[in-house]
Amino acid sequence: MDAGNPLLLFAVLVLGIVLLPGMDMAYILASALRAGARGAAAAVAGVVMGGFVHVLVGLAGVALLLATVPAAFNGLLFAGAFYLAWVGVDLMRHGAGGTGDAQAPARPAAILLRGAATNLLNPKAYLFMLAVFPQFLRPADGQVALQAAVLAAVIAATQVAVYGAMAWLTLRASRGLAARPAGRRLLGRAVGAMLVAMAVLTVAGGWRGAPSPAFAAPAPALDTASPGSASSLPRSTP
């Protein structure tokens, strides 16, 4: 890989992060089981929407506030974990068929908004915006907003590709079990258990009693002395 191409480096880094199981992926899988293809598509769109909001709040300095104020960070952590656990418990109780009552599955618009909320309630995303995202912006080159928009597009494209593929695989597995209600319920409960476990691990691994030196301030900028530095995007032209 060409270390002199910062955009490629950023894309590979984002791909590795998105591939890791997390709150967004778990919510999308749950939506695919509960509401089918339309629900999965709405969930992916919601997560992508949340990603764009993360870019905006990161540029506004909200990520720095959350990283340096433990109470704010922990509040966000608990809110996200609670919501994830709530969805997981519902799946464990009722399987992949959705809620146990006779109500129809949630509308795509509601799933989209919940997907955005899930993404925005993920505190690790704010830490990414604080510690990683700024390393690929170079104010000296001007047009920081344009640079941020390009990086946001890379994040969105990666999320659509990875989460879309995961949702498709989940739908295939669910449809394969359509004639086997017991197997479909088992699949739903397995995903529900994964959601609950992820909620517990999110709290256990993310709780902060005091500001962490690793996230108290943006990480040191990469060396920009050489033309091949990975800390900036290619210089824009007027």
Protein backbone atom coordinates (compact mmCIF):
# COMPACT_ATOMS: atom_id res chain seq x y z
CA MET A 1 0.00 0.00 0.00
CA ASP A 2 1.23 3.41 -0.92
CA ALA A 3 1.86 5.23 2.36
CA GLY A 4 1.91 8.47 0.39
CA ASN A 5 -1.82 8.23 -0.39
CA PRO A 6 -3.58 9.47 2.75
CA LEU A 7 -7.07 8.87 1.35
CA LEU A 8 -6.27 5.21 0.68
CA LEU A 9 -4.76 4.89 4.14
CA PHE A 10 -7.89 6.40 5.68
CA ALA A 11 -10.14 4.06 3.67
CA VAL A 12 -8.25 0.97 4.84
CA LEU A 13 -8.34 2.19 8.43
CA VAL A 14 -12.10 2.83 8.28
CA LEU A 15 -12.70 -0.57 6.69
CA GLY A 16 -10.90 -2.29 9.54
CA ILE A 17 -12.94 -0.38 12.12
CA VAL A 18 -16.30 -0.98 10.41
CA LEU A 19 -15.59 -4.71 10.11
CA LEU A 20 -15.27 -4.99 13.89
CA PRO A 21 -18.56 -6.06 15.54
CA GLY A 22 -20.18 -3.14 17.27
CA MET A 23 -23.43 -1.36 18.08
CA ASP A 24 -24.15 -0.33 14.50
CA MET A 25 -23.65 -3.80 13.05
CA ALA A 26 -25.72 -5.42 15.78
CA TYR A 27 -28.62 -3.01 15.24
CA ILE A 28 -28.60 -3.59 11.48
CA LEU A 29 -28.66 -7.38 11.91
CA ALA A 30 -31.54 -7.07 14.36
CA SER A 31 -33.45 -4.81 11.95
CA ALA A 32 -32.94 -7.30 9.12
CA LEU A 33 -34.43 -10.06 11.27
CA ARG A 34 -37.35 -8.00 12.51
CA ALA A 35 -38.33 -6.02 9.42
CA GLY A 36 -36.75 -7.74 6.42
CA ALA A 37 -34.92 -6.10 3.54
CA ARG A 38 -36.64 -2.72 3.89
CA GLY A 39 -35.83 -2.62 7.58
CA ALA A 40 -32.20 -3.52 6.92
CA ALA A 41 -31.88 -0.82 4.24
CA ALA A 42 -33.45 1.76 6.55
CA ALA A 43 -31.11 0.77 9.39
CA VAL A 44 -28.04 1.10 7.15
CA ALA A 45 -29.25 4.50 5.94
CA GLY A 46 -29.78 5.61 9.53
CA VAL A 47 -26.29 4.56 10.57
CA VAL A 48 -24.82 6.41 7.59
CA MET A 49 -26.86 9.49 8.54
CA GLY A 50 -25.46 9.27 12.04
CA GLY A 51 -21.96 9.08 10.58
CA PHE A 52 -22.44 12.39 8.76
CA VAL A 53 -23.66 13.97 11.98
CA HIS A 54 -20.54 12.66 13.73
CA VAL A 55 -18.40 14.53 11.21
CA LEU A 56 -20.29 17.76 11.91
CA VAL A 57 -20.12 17.46 15.70
CA GLY A 58 -16.49 16.41 15.50
CA LEU A 59 -15.63 19.57 13.61
CA ALA A 60 -17.65 21.54 16.16
CA GLY A 61 -15.58 20.17 19.04
CA VAL A 62 -18.29 18.05 20.68
CA ALA A 63 -16.06 14.98 20.50
CA LEU A 64 -13.41 16.78 22.56
CA LEU A 65 -16.01 17.65 25.21
CA LEU A 66 -17.16 14.02 25.49
CA ALA A 67 -13.59 12.78 25.69
CA THR A 68 -12.60 15.16 28.47
CA VAL A 69 -15.78 15.12 30.58
CA PRO A 70 -16.30 11.61 32.04
CA ALA A 71 -19.90 12.31 33.08
CA ALA A 72 -20.92 13.21 29.52
CA PHE A 73 -19.06 10.25 28.07
CA ASN A 74 -20.51 7.78 30.58
CA GLY A 75 -24.03 9.13 30.08
CA LEU A 76 -23.77 8.53 26.34
CA LEU A 77 -22.26 5.11 27.00
CA PHE A 78 -25.14 4.00 29.22
CA ALA A 79 -27.81 5.38 26.89
CA GLY A 80 -26.43 3.49 23.92
CA ALA A 81 -25.91 0.27 25.87
CA PHE A 82 -29.41 0.42 27.36
CA TYR A 83 -31.02 0.83 23.95
CA LEU A 84 -28.94 -2.01 22.50
CA ALA A 85 -29.88 -4.29 25.41
CA TRP A 86 -33.56 -3.38 25.03
CA VAL A 87 -33.57 -4.46 21.38
CA GLY A 88 -31.65 -7.61 22.29
CA VAL A 89 -34.05 -8.63 25.06
CA ASP A 90 -36.99 -8.13 22.71
CA LEU A 91 -35.39 -10.44 20.15
CA MET A 92 -34.56 -13.03 22.81
CA ARG A 93 -38.18 -13.02 23.98
CA HIS A 94 -39.85 -13.14 20.59
CA GLY A 95 -37.25 -14.45 18.15
CA ALA A 96 -36.80 -13.09 14.64
CA GLY A 97 -40.48 -12.41 14.17
CA GLY A 98 -40.32 -9.01 15.87
CA THR A 99 -42.32 -8.02 18.90
CA GLY A 100 -44.61 -10.48 20.57
CA ASP A 101 -47.74 -8.41 20.08
CA ALA A 102 -49.79 -8.32 16.92
CA GLN A 103 -48.37 -5.02 15.77
CA ALA A 104 -46.74 -4.72 12.37
CA PRO A 105 -42.96 -4.25 12.20
CA ALA A 106 -41.68 -0.73 12.69
CA ARG A 107 -41.94 1.56 9.68
CA PRO A 108 -38.75 2.20 7.69
CA ALA A 109 -38.71 5.85 8.77
CA ALA A 110 -38.71 4.83 12.44
CA ILE A 111 -35.99 2.25 11.81
CA LEU A 112 -33.90 4.89 10.02
CA LEU A 113 -34.15 7.30 12.94
CA ARG A 114 -33.30 4.56 15.41
CA GLY A 115 -30.29 3.62 13.29
CA ALA A 116 -29.08 7.21 13.43
CA ALA A 117 -29.68 7.26 17.18
CA THR A 118 -27.75 4.01 17.64
CA ASN A 119 -24.80 5.49 15.79
CA LEU A 120 -24.97 8.76 17.70
CA LEU A 121 -25.17 6.93 21.04
CA ASN A 122 -21.94 5.07 20.32
CA PRO A 123 -19.24 6.88 22.33
CA LYS A 124 -16.42 5.09 20.53
CA ALA A 125 -17.43 6.88 17.34
CA TYR A 126 -16.77 10.20 19.06
CA LEU A 127 -13.33 9.00 20.10
CA PHE A 128 -12.62 8.04 16.50
CA MET A 129 -13.61 11.54 15.44
CA LEU A 130 -11.28 12.97 18.08
CA ALA A 131 -8.19 10.79 17.76
CA VAL A 132 -8.19 9.64 14.12
CA PHE A 133 -10.25 11.92 11.90
CA PRO A 134 -8.21 15.11 12.57
CA GLN A 135 -5.01 13.36 11.47
CA PHE A 136 -6.29 13.40 7.90
CA LEU A 137 -7.25 17.07 7.83
CA ARG A 138 -4.75 19.80 7.03
CA PRO A 139 -6.02 23.35 7.61
CA ALA A 140 -2.92 24.74 5.92
CA ASP A 141 -4.22 23.38 2.62
CA GLY A 142 -7.49 25.26 3.03
CA GLN A 143 -11.01 24.01 2.32
CA VAL A 144 -11.17 21.91 5.48
CA ALA A 145 -14.89 21.44 4.98
CA LEU A 146 -14.25 19.90 1.57
CA GLN A 147 -11.59 17.60 3.02
CA ALA A 148 -14.00 16.54 5.77
CA ALA A 149 -16.73 15.90 3.19
CA VAL A 150 -14.44 13.59 1.23
CA LEU A 151 -13.54 11.64 4.36
CA ALA A 152 -17.21 11.46 5.35
CA ALA A 153 -18.03 10.03 1.92
CA VAL A 154 -15.38 7.34 2.41
CA ILE A 155 -16.90 6.42 5.78
CA ALA A 156 -20.41 6.29 4.31
CA ALA A 157 -19.37 4.14 1.33
CA THR A 158 -17.57 1.71 3.63
CA GLN A 159 -20.56 1.45 5.96
CA VAL A 160 -22.95 0.79 3.08
CA ALA A 161 -20.70 -1.91 1.62
CA VAL A 162 -19.93 -3.75 4.86
CA TYR A 163 -23.25 -3.39 6.65
CA GLY A 164 -25.18 -4.03 3.45
CA ALA A 165 -23.31 -7.30 2.94
CA MET A 166 -23.89 -8.34 6.55
CA ALA A 167 -27.61 -7.55 6.28
CA TRP A 168 -27.87 -9.54 3.04
CA LEU A 169 -26.24 -12.59 4.63
CA THR A 170 -28.58 -12.30 7.61
CA LEU A 171 -31.61 -12.09 5.33
CA ARG A 172 -30.44 -15.14 3.39
CA ALA A 173 -30.08 -17.12 6.60
CA SER A 174 -33.46 -15.93 7.85
CA ARG A 175 -35.23 -16.84 4.61
CA GLY A 176 -33.59 -20.23 4.64
CA LEU A 177 -35.25 -20.81 8.00
CA ALA A 178 -38.61 -19.38 6.94
CA ALA A 179 -40.16 -22.86 6.78
CA ARG A 180 -38.68 -23.72 10.16
CA PRO A 181 -40.21 -21.42 12.78
CA ALA A 182 -38.14 -22.98 15.56
CA GLY A 183 -34.91 -22.30 13.68
CA ARG A 184 -35.98 -18.73 12.89
CA ARG A 185 -36.75 -18.09 16.54
CA LEU A 186 -33.39 -19.56 17.50
CA LEU A 187 -31.58 -17.26 15.05
CA GLY A 188 -33.41 -14.24 16.41
CA ARG A 189 -32.63 -15.18 19.99
CA ALA A 190 -28.97 -15.74 19.12
CA VAL A 191 -28.74 -12.24 17.64
CA GLY A 192 -30.61 -10.88 20.67
CA ALA A 193 -28.14 -12.52 23.03
CA MET A 194 -25.30 -11.00 20.99
CA LEU A 195 -26.88 -7.56 21.38
CA VAL A 196 -27.20 -7.93 25.15
CA ALA A 197 -23.62 -9.20 25.44
CA MET A 198 -22.40 -6.30 23.32
CA ALA A 199 -24.26 -3.83 25.54
CA VAL A 200 -22.57 -5.27 28.64
CA LEU A 201 -19.15 -5.25 26.98
CA THR A 202 -19.69 -1.68 25.79
CA VAL A 203 -20.26 -0.48 29.35
CA ALA A 204 -17.51 -2.66 30.85
CA GLY A 205 -14.93 -1.62 28.28
CA GLY A 206 -15.91 2.01 27.92
CA TRP A 207 -16.64 3.21 31.47
CA ARG A 208 -14.36 6.06 32.41
CA GLY A 209 -13.85 7.36 35.91
CA ALA A 210 -11.52 10.15 34.82
CA PRO A 211 -10.33 11.61 31.54
CA SER A 212 -8.00 9.22 29.76
CA PRO A 213 -4.68 10.71 28.64
CA ALA A 214 -5.07 8.83 25.38
CA PHE A 215 -8.19 10.82 24.50
CA ALA A 216 -7.79 14.01 26.53
CA ALA A 217 -6.48 15.77 23.45
CA PRO A 218 -6.09 14.93 19.79
CA ALA A 219 -3.27 12.55 19.02
CA PRO A 220 -0.05 14.17 17.84
CA ALA A 221 -0.14 15.01 14.17
CA LEU A 222 1.78 12.71 11.89
CA ASP A 223 5.04 14.00 10.47
CA THR A 224 4.23 16.33 7.62
CA ALA A 225 7.80 17.12 6.69
CA SER A 226 7.84 14.72 3.76
CA PRO A 227 5.58 14.89 0.71
CA GLY A 228 4.41 11.33 1.44
CA SER A 229 2.95 12.17 4.84
CA ALA A 230 -0.31 10.37 5.70
CA SER A 231 -1.56 13.22 7.82
CA SER A 232 -3.18 15.24 5.08
CA LEU A 233 -5.24 14.96 1.95
CA PRO A 234 -3.77 15.97 -1.40
CA ARG A 235 -3.57 19.73 -1.72
CA SER A 236 -6.71 21.06 -3.34
CA THR A 237 -6.60 23.33 -6.35
CA PRO A 238 -8.46 26.64 -6.54
